[in-house]
Amino acid sequence: MNDSIESLLDFFEEPMYWKKVLGRDGKEFLLPKLRTMVSGSDQMKTQLIQSNGFDSLGKIHNDPRITYFGRFLRRNWIDELPQFYSLSTGDLGLVGVRPKSSEEWKHYPQEHMEQALRYKPGLFGVHYYDISLSHFENESRYLGEKAKNHDVDRKYFLGIVYNIIFKGVRSR
């Protein structure tokens, strides 16, 4: 059986993935996504981070856990659609630092995490704002501006939408 058919079968067997993440004030919530990775991918993450490292968008370089069908879903942002549920419940804001699990936050400085968790995580991650900066640099810049002026989300949202539409920035 080829990879694309096997990938589709995996998806339809278990199409939703519920990720336990930290929201505003460190409150845990379940973030729904469409499955784009092989089952058990969370257990492989630490080893892949050590061996492959991160790209500028904070994604693991050449992540082998992403299925053939998952690449299609990510490229077209279809895997993000269930997150509108979290937006409607108030767990997510429109713009902000993307939600991360407590395990993922271990790869960031403690003060960065504490500052980010003062606000709701975002459906649109601020790491798409300035594609010349790293994932971490974009988040740090946003958090610094947000601390001074809570009305920076509009500016970031417009920049993110511009980069998506005109510069082709997409999830991998």
Protein backbone atom coordinates (compact mmCIF):
# COMPACT_ATOMS: atom_id res chain seq x y z
CA MET A 1 0.00 0.00 0.00
CA ASN A 2 1.48 3.41 -0.87
CA ASP A 3 2.10 6.17 1.71
CA SER A 4 -0.76 8.42 0.59
CA ILE A 5 -3.41 5.69 0.99
CA GLU A 6 -1.96 4.57 4.33
CA SER A 7 -1.94 8.21 5.46
CA LEU A 8 -5.61 8.61 4.54
CA LEU A 9 -6.55 5.42 6.38
CA ASP A 10 -4.74 6.64 9.53
CA PHE A 11 -6.57 9.96 9.31
CA PHE A 12 -10.04 8.43 8.98
CA GLU A 13 -9.35 5.94 11.75
CA GLU A 14 -8.68 8.74 14.22
CA PRO A 15 -9.23 12.16 12.54
CA MET A 16 -9.08 14.41 15.60
CA TYR A 17 -6.14 15.09 17.84
CA TRP A 18 -6.70 16.79 21.19
CA LYS A 19 -3.60 18.50 22.50
CA LYS A 20 -3.37 19.53 26.15
CA VAL A 21 -1.95 23.08 26.13
CA LEU A 22 -1.50 25.97 28.53
CA GLY A 23 -3.65 29.06 28.07
CA ARG A 24 -3.97 32.37 29.82
CA ASP A 25 -2.67 32.27 33.41
CA GLY A 26 -1.35 28.73 32.79
CA LYS A 27 -4.84 27.22 32.65
CA GLU A 28 -4.84 23.92 30.77
CA PHE A 29 -7.31 23.29 27.98
CA LEU A 30 -7.70 20.81 25.15
CA LEU A 31 -6.93 22.23 21.72
CA PRO A 32 -8.64 20.34 18.85
CA LYS A 33 -6.80 19.76 15.58
CA LEU A 34 -7.19 17.48 12.61
CA ARG A 35 -4.59 14.71 12.79
CA THR A 36 -1.60 15.35 10.52
CA MET A 37 0.98 13.10 12.19
CA VAL A 38 1.39 9.41 12.81
CA SER A 39 -0.05 8.03 16.06
CA GLY A 40 2.39 8.23 18.97
CA SER A 41 4.20 11.24 17.53
CA ASP A 42 4.37 13.02 20.91
CA GLN A 43 6.71 10.31 22.22
CA MET A 44 9.13 10.95 19.33
CA LYS A 45 9.25 14.74 19.72
CA THR A 46 12.12 15.22 22.21
CA GLN A 47 14.46 12.98 20.24
CA LEU A 48 13.58 14.73 16.97
CA ILE A 49 14.18 18.16 18.49
CA GLN A 50 17.63 17.04 19.63
CA SER A 51 18.54 15.46 16.29
CA ASN A 52 16.81 17.78 13.78
CA GLY A 53 16.40 21.12 15.60
CA PHE A 54 13.87 23.84 14.79
CA ASP A 55 13.32 25.94 11.68
CA SER A 56 12.62 29.69 11.78
CA LEU A 57 8.90 29.06 12.41
CA GLY A 58 9.58 26.87 15.45
CA LYS A 59 8.79 23.63 13.61
CA ILE A 60 11.05 20.56 13.68
CA HIS A 61 13.26 20.42 10.56
CA ASN A 62 12.18 17.66 8.13
CA ASP A 63 9.69 16.24 10.60
CA PRO A 64 9.17 12.57 9.64
CA ARG A 65 6.03 12.28 11.80
CA ILE A 66 3.90 14.29 9.34
CA THR A 67 1.87 12.05 7.05
CA TYR A 68 1.47 12.55 3.32
CA PHE A 69 -2.17 13.61 3.80
CA GLY A 70 -1.13 15.70 6.81
CA ARG A 71 1.19 17.80 4.63
CA PHE A 72 -1.79 18.66 2.42
CA LEU A 73 -3.92 19.58 5.46
CA ARG A 74 -1.15 21.76 6.92
CA ARG A 75 -0.21 23.45 3.66
CA ASN A 76 -3.83 24.56 3.26
CA TRP A 77 -4.37 25.22 6.99
CA ILE A 78 -7.28 22.81 7.08
CA ASP A 79 -5.86 21.18 10.23
CA GLU A 80 -6.42 24.46 12.08
CA LEU A 81 -10.18 24.67 11.42
CA PRO A 82 -11.25 22.83 14.63
CA GLN A 83 -9.42 25.50 16.62
CA PHE A 84 -12.23 27.91 15.86
CA TYR A 85 -14.05 25.98 18.61
CA SER A 86 -11.38 27.11 21.12
CA LEU A 87 -11.68 30.63 19.74
CA SER A 88 -15.46 30.54 20.35
CA THR A 89 -15.04 29.26 23.93
CA GLY A 90 -12.58 32.05 24.74
CA ASP A 91 -9.57 29.77 25.29
CA LEU A 92 -7.85 31.25 22.21
CA GLY A 93 -7.55 34.80 21.03
CA LEU A 94 -7.32 35.68 17.35
CA VAL A 95 -3.64 36.73 17.52
CA GLY A 96 -0.94 35.73 19.98
CA VAL A 97 1.77 33.27 20.85
CA ARG A 98 0.64 29.83 19.62
CA PRO A 99 -0.58 27.52 22.40
CA LYS A 100 2.05 25.13 23.71
CA SER A 101 1.99 22.14 26.03
CA SER A 102 3.83 22.28 29.35
CA GLU A 103 6.42 19.95 27.75
CA GLU A 104 6.94 22.37 24.82
CA TRP A 105 7.33 25.31 27.19
CA LYS A 106 10.38 23.57 28.72
CA HIS A 107 12.33 24.55 25.58
CA TYR A 108 11.79 28.27 26.31
CA PRO A 109 13.17 30.56 29.01
CA GLN A 110 10.95 30.63 32.11
CA GLU A 111 10.41 34.40 31.88
CA HIS A 112 9.28 34.10 28.24
CA MET A 113 6.71 31.48 29.21
CA GLU A 114 5.46 33.52 32.17
CA GLN A 115 5.08 36.62 30.02
CA ALA A 116 3.29 34.72 27.23
CA LEU A 117 0.85 33.07 29.64
CA ARG A 118 -0.39 36.47 30.81
CA TYR A 119 -2.37 36.56 27.57
CA LYS A 120 -4.56 34.17 25.61
CA PRO A 121 -2.66 32.12 23.06
CA GLY A 122 -3.48 32.93 19.44
CA LEU A 123 -5.19 31.15 16.60
CA PHE A 124 -2.86 33.14 14.32
CA GLY A 125 0.65 32.79 15.69
CA VAL A 126 2.75 35.93 15.82
CA HIS A 127 5.71 33.98 14.42
CA TYR A 128 4.25 34.67 10.95
CA TYR A 129 4.50 38.44 11.46
CA ASP A 130 8.10 39.13 10.42
CA ILE A 131 9.46 36.21 8.45
CA SER A 132 13.01 37.60 8.63
CA LEU A 133 13.00 36.91 12.40
CA SER A 134 13.08 33.57 14.17
CA HIS A 135 10.01 32.11 15.85
CA PHE A 136 11.36 33.07 19.28
CA GLU A 137 12.37 36.60 18.19
CA ASN A 138 8.87 37.27 16.80
CA GLU A 139 7.24 36.02 20.01
CA SER A 140 9.59 38.10 22.19
CA ARG A 141 8.98 41.22 20.10
CA TYR A 142 5.21 40.74 20.26
CA LEU A 143 5.22 40.16 24.03
CA GLY A 144 7.31 43.29 24.58
CA GLU A 145 4.91 45.38 22.49
CA LYS A 146 1.85 43.75 24.10
CA ALA A 147 3.13 44.61 27.60
CA LYS A 148 3.37 48.29 26.61
CA ASN A 149 0.21 48.50 24.51
CA HIS A 150 -2.54 45.88 24.57
CA ASP A 151 -3.83 47.09 21.18
CA VAL A 152 -1.01 45.61 19.06
CA ASP A 153 -3.05 42.62 17.89
CA ARG A 154 -4.56 44.49 14.93
CA LYS A 155 -1.09 45.43 13.66
CA TYR A 156 0.15 41.85 13.99
CA PHE A 157 -3.01 40.38 12.45
CA LEU A 158 -2.67 42.57 9.35
CA GLY A 159 1.03 41.67 9.03
CA ILE A 160 0.29 37.97 9.39
CA VAL A 161 -2.51 38.06 6.79
CA TYR A 162 -0.23 40.01 4.41
CA ASN A 163 2.54 37.39 4.77
CA ILE A 164 0.12 34.52 4.24
CA ILE A 165 -1.53 36.02 1.15
CA PHE A 166 1.38 37.81 -0.55
CA LYS A 167 4.46 35.93 0.66
CA GLY A 168 2.99 32.44 0.72
CA VAL A 169 3.83 31.73 4.36
CA ARG A 170 2.20 28.43 5.23
CA SER A 171 2.42 25.75 7.87
CA ARG A 172 4.51 22.67 7.01
